[in-house]
Amino acid sequence: MSESLALLREHLLATPMPAIALTLAAFLAGNRLFLRLNRPSWCPAILIAAMLLAASLALLGIDYGDYRRGAGWLMLLLGPATVALGVPLFQQLPRIRDLWRPILISLPPAAMLAAFYSVALAWLLDASPEVLASLAPKSVTAPIAIGITEQLGGVIPLMMGGLLITGVMSTACVGALARYLSIRDPRVLGFVLGVNGHVIGTVRAFELGPTAGAFASLGMSLTGIFSALFLPLAWRLLGL
């Protein structure tokens, strides 16, 4: 009987449908739990969904490599989903034009610091070059971060874990600091969430309002472009 179940599981995993179904089920369940918990900023829906999915893979005995091959079809949708964020950007274009100088001045040091402190901490802990390369693009949106990680020689699953942790922690920390410093400008909050928290921060920004969401989209996009140019160059100069 157990051999028959094993054969059935192997047959199912030969198609992408089980991985896609598990992913969508975890996403819907995570969203539902997130709403039931009154939208806590410290525990976004994507984190709940990731934990549910990890638990499901462990309970069903599905290897991550098999799951990832099946879920690869969903990864194709990350690019169009990111491009779709250009719609709120266009809607807020007049406000963005008014602030183009402070945006261009603040973005490079923010993006460089986001990569530097994680790589510096990992280096101090004697991490391998592979781990360093996986952590460097942790503040960049996933479609761009995957390309950067492959170019630097990192591990994509490790990078995705860092991406998730970074988004969750950035969202919680930005909210706490905004309350402490009495920052209420949706443009500032949105931009900071986008630069530091990539998609997770952008989702949180849209919960604050369309203006915050548009500036988060801008910060996330510009951070991705800058990091895609800066990180490979810095890697070569440092000889990593």
Protein backbone atom coordinates (compact mmCIF):
# COMPACT_ATOMS: atom_id res chain seq x y z
CA MET A 1 0.00 0.00 0.00
CA SER A 2 2.77 2.41 0.93
CA GLU A 3 4.56 1.55 -2.32
CA SER A 4 1.42 2.39 -4.28
CA LEU A 5 1.11 5.73 -2.49
CA ALA A 6 4.76 6.48 -3.23
CA LEU A 7 4.21 5.70 -6.91
CA LEU A 8 1.10 7.89 -6.94
CA ARG A 9 3.02 10.78 -5.36
CA GLU A 10 5.84 10.45 -7.89
CA HIS A 11 3.30 10.43 -10.71
CA LEU A 12 1.61 13.57 -9.37
CA LEU A 13 4.89 15.40 -8.87
CA ALA A 14 5.79 14.74 -12.50
CA THR A 15 3.31 17.53 -13.34
CA PRO A 16 3.35 21.12 -12.00
CA MET A 17 -0.26 20.95 -10.77
CA PRO A 18 0.38 19.71 -7.17
CA ALA A 19 3.02 22.38 -6.53
CA ILE A 20 0.79 25.11 -7.97
CA ALA A 21 -2.22 23.88 -5.99
CA LEU A 22 -0.22 23.76 -2.74
CA THR A 23 1.13 27.27 -3.34
CA LEU A 24 -2.28 28.78 -4.09
CA ALA A 25 -3.88 26.96 -1.15
CA ALA A 26 -1.17 28.26 1.21
CA PHE A 27 -1.59 31.79 -0.18
CA LEU A 28 -5.37 31.79 0.27
CA ALA A 29 -5.14 30.28 3.76
CA GLY A 30 -2.41 32.76 4.74
CA ASN A 31 -4.51 35.67 3.50
CA ARG A 32 -7.51 34.44 5.45
CA LEU A 33 -5.53 34.02 8.67
CA PHE A 34 -3.94 37.44 8.16
CA LEU A 35 -7.38 39.06 8.00
CA ARG A 36 -8.60 37.07 11.01
CA LEU A 37 -5.61 38.39 13.00
CA ASN A 38 -6.56 42.01 12.09
CA ARG A 39 -3.69 42.55 9.62
CA PRO A 40 -0.66 42.54 11.99
CA SER A 41 2.28 44.42 10.44
CA TRP A 42 4.76 42.07 12.15
CA CYS A 43 3.26 38.98 10.49
CA PRO A 44 2.23 39.66 6.87
CA ALA A 45 0.15 37.22 4.86
CA ILE A 46 3.15 36.11 2.80
CA LEU A 47 4.97 34.95 5.96
CA ILE A 48 1.94 32.96 7.14
CA ALA A 49 1.60 31.42 3.67
CA ALA A 50 5.31 30.50 3.58
CA MET A 51 5.10 28.77 6.97
CA LEU A 52 1.96 26.87 5.94
CA LEU A 53 3.61 25.79 2.70
CA ALA A 54 6.80 24.66 4.46
CA ALA A 55 4.75 22.66 6.96
CA SER A 56 2.75 21.05 4.14
CA LEU A 57 5.91 20.02 2.26
CA ALA A 58 7.35 18.52 5.45
CA LEU A 59 4.18 16.62 6.34
CA LEU A 60 3.70 15.28 2.80
CA GLY A 61 7.38 14.37 2.46
CA ILE A 62 7.81 16.40 -0.73
CA ASP A 63 11.37 17.36 -1.56
CA TYR A 64 11.91 21.09 -2.03
CA GLY A 65 13.64 20.51 -5.37
CA ASP A 66 10.56 18.67 -6.69
CA TYR A 67 8.29 21.41 -5.41
CA ARG A 68 10.40 24.16 -6.94
CA ARG A 69 10.38 22.52 -10.36
CA GLY A 70 6.60 22.40 -10.29
CA ALA A 71 6.17 25.90 -8.90
CA GLY A 72 8.49 27.31 -11.55
CA TRP A 73 5.41 28.11 -13.64
CA LEU A 74 4.28 30.57 -10.97
CA MET A 75 7.71 32.21 -10.97
CA LEU A 76 7.04 33.29 -14.55
CA LEU A 77 4.25 35.52 -13.24
CA LEU A 78 6.59 37.52 -10.97
CA GLY A 79 7.84 39.63 -13.87
CA PRO A 80 4.41 40.74 -15.16
CA ALA A 81 3.21 41.32 -11.58
CA THR A 82 6.17 43.63 -10.94
CA VAL A 83 5.63 45.49 -14.22
CA ALA A 84 1.96 46.00 -13.29
CA LEU A 85 3.11 48.21 -10.41
CA GLY A 86 3.85 50.84 -13.04
CA VAL A 87 0.13 51.73 -13.11
CA PRO A 88 0.05 53.45 -9.67
CA LEU A 89 3.40 55.04 -10.53
CA PHE A 90 1.85 56.68 -13.59
CA GLN A 91 -1.11 57.87 -11.52
CA GLN A 92 1.21 59.59 -9.02
CA LEU A 93 3.65 60.95 -11.62
CA PRO A 94 3.14 64.67 -10.79
CA ARG A 95 4.02 64.09 -7.12
CA ILE A 96 7.04 62.00 -8.07
CA ARG A 97 8.33 64.74 -10.39
CA ASP A 98 8.21 67.24 -7.52
CA LEU A 99 10.54 65.03 -5.43
CA TRP A 100 12.96 63.67 -8.02
CA ARG A 101 16.02 65.36 -6.47
CA PRO A 102 15.68 63.96 -2.92
CA ILE A 103 14.74 60.57 -4.39
CA LEU A 104 17.87 60.36 -6.54
CA ILE A 105 20.09 61.59 -3.69
CA SER A 106 18.76 59.18 -1.07
CA LEU A 107 18.41 56.04 -3.17
CA PRO A 108 22.08 55.06 -3.86
CA PRO A 109 23.30 55.17 -0.22
CA ALA A 110 20.13 53.41 0.95
CA ALA A 111 20.49 50.58 -1.60
CA MET A 112 24.23 50.21 -0.91
CA LEU A 113 23.70 50.08 2.85
CA ALA A 114 20.95 47.48 2.45
CA ALA A 115 23.41 45.16 0.69
CA PHE A 116 26.46 46.11 2.78
CA TYR A 117 25.26 45.42 6.30
CA SER A 118 24.03 41.89 5.56
CA VAL A 119 27.18 40.97 3.64
CA ALA A 120 29.38 42.55 6.35
CA LEU A 121 27.66 40.62 9.14
CA ALA A 122 27.89 37.35 7.20
CA TRP A 123 31.58 38.02 6.44
CA LEU A 124 32.31 38.67 10.13
CA LEU A 125 30.69 35.30 10.90
CA ASP A 126 33.06 33.67 8.37
CA ALA A 127 30.37 32.85 5.82
CA SER A 128 31.37 31.37 2.47
CA PRO A 129 31.40 33.48 -0.73
CA GLU A 130 28.31 31.53 -1.83
CA VAL A 131 26.39 32.68 1.26
CA LEU A 132 27.61 36.26 0.83
CA ALA A 133 26.38 36.27 -2.77
CA SER A 134 23.00 34.92 -1.65
CA LEU A 135 22.50 37.64 0.98
CA ALA A 136 23.66 40.64 -1.06
CA PRO A 137 20.41 41.12 -3.08
CA LYS A 138 18.06 40.45 -0.13
CA SER A 139 16.42 43.90 -0.40
CA VAL A 140 15.67 43.60 -4.13
CA THR A 141 12.39 42.37 -5.60
CA ALA A 142 12.46 38.64 -6.40
CA PRO A 143 12.59 38.66 -10.27
CA ILE A 144 15.66 40.93 -10.22
CA ALA A 145 17.19 39.31 -7.11
CA ILE A 146 17.13 35.87 -8.78
CA GLY A 147 19.12 37.18 -11.74
CA ILE A 148 21.63 38.97 -9.48
CA THR A 149 22.08 35.88 -7.30
CA GLU A 150 22.76 33.66 -10.31
CA GLN A 151 25.26 36.19 -11.66
CA LEU A 152 27.11 36.41 -8.33
CA GLY A 153 27.15 32.64 -7.82
CA GLY A 154 24.76 32.48 -4.88
CA VAL A 155 22.05 30.00 -3.88
CA ILE A 156 18.52 31.01 -4.87
CA PRO A 157 16.64 29.18 -2.03
CA LEU A 158 18.90 30.89 0.54
CA MET A 159 18.35 34.24 -1.16
CA MET A 160 14.58 33.72 -1.11
CA GLY A 161 14.73 33.04 2.62
CA GLY A 162 16.70 36.24 3.16
CA LEU A 163 14.20 38.07 0.96
CA LEU A 164 11.29 36.93 3.11
CA ILE A 165 12.97 37.78 6.42
CA THR A 166 14.08 41.18 5.12
CA GLY A 167 10.59 42.10 3.92
CA VAL A 168 8.94 41.10 7.20
CA MET A 169 11.52 42.82 9.41
CA SER A 170 11.57 45.97 7.27
CA THR A 171 7.81 46.30 7.43
CA ALA A 172 7.75 45.94 11.21
CA CYS A 173 10.75 48.23 11.82
CA VAL A 174 9.60 50.99 9.44
CA GLY A 175 6.20 51.06 11.15
CA ALA A 176 7.76 51.26 14.62
CA LEU A 177 10.26 53.96 13.62
CA ALA A 178 7.57 55.99 11.86
CA ARG A 179 5.49 56.04 15.03
CA TYR A 180 8.53 56.88 17.18
CA LEU A 181 9.67 59.72 14.87
CA SER A 182 6.09 60.88 14.14
CA ILE A 183 6.52 60.46 10.38
CA ARG A 184 3.13 60.46 8.68
CA ASP A 185 3.92 61.57 5.13
CA PRO A 186 2.71 58.67 2.90
CA ARG A 187 5.35 59.52 0.30
CA VAL A 188 8.20 59.05 2.77
CA LEU A 189 6.69 55.94 4.36
CA GLY A 190 6.00 54.36 0.98
CA PHE A 191 9.44 55.06 -0.44
CA VAL A 192 11.21 53.69 2.63
CA LEU A 193 9.04 50.55 2.61
CA GLY A 194 9.76 49.96 -1.07
CA VAL A 195 13.52 50.50 -0.82
CA ASN A 196 13.97 48.28 2.24
CA GLY A 197 11.09 45.82 2.09
CA HIS A 198 10.71 45.16 -1.68
CA VAL A 199 7.32 43.54 -2.52
CA ILE A 200 6.34 42.83 1.08
CA GLY A 201 6.95 46.46 2.00
CA THR A 202 5.09 47.59 -1.11
CA VAL A 203 2.05 45.51 -0.17
CA ARG A 204 2.10 47.11 3.27
CA ALA A 205 2.40 50.56 1.67
CA PHE A 206 -0.71 49.98 -0.47
CA GLU A 207 -2.58 49.21 2.75
CA LEU A 208 -1.66 52.74 3.89
CA GLY A 209 -3.04 54.30 0.70
CA PRO A 210 -2.46 54.73 -3.06
CA THR A 211 0.17 57.46 -2.63
CA ALA A 212 2.27 55.36 -0.25
CA GLY A 213 1.85 52.38 -2.59
CA ALA A 214 3.00 54.34 -5.63
CA PHE A 215 6.12 55.64 -3.87
CA ALA A 216 6.85 52.14 -2.55
CA SER A 217 6.64 50.83 -6.14
CA LEU A 218 9.05 53.55 -7.19
CA GLY A 219 11.50 52.78 -4.38
CA MET A 220 11.36 49.05 -5.06
CA SER A 221 11.88 49.51 -8.82
CA LEU A 222 14.76 51.95 -8.49
CA THR A 223 16.45 49.78 -5.85
CA GLY A 224 16.21 46.80 -8.19
CA ILE A 225 17.70 48.71 -11.14
CA PHE A 226 20.49 50.24 -9.06
CA SER A 227 21.35 46.92 -7.38
CA ALA A 228 21.41 45.06 -10.70
CA LEU A 229 24.07 47.53 -11.90
CA PHE A 230 25.93 48.07 -8.63
CA LEU A 231 26.23 44.61 -7.04
CA PRO A 232 27.95 42.74 -9.93
CA LEU A 233 30.40 45.62 -10.33
CA ALA A 234 31.13 45.73 -6.58
CA TRP A 235 31.59 41.93 -6.57
CA ARG A 236 34.24 42.15 -9.28
CA LEU A 237 36.05 45.04 -7.59
CA LEU A 238 36.12 43.16 -4.27
CA GLY A 239 37.26 39.96 -5.95
CA LEU A 240 34.53 37.83 -4.36
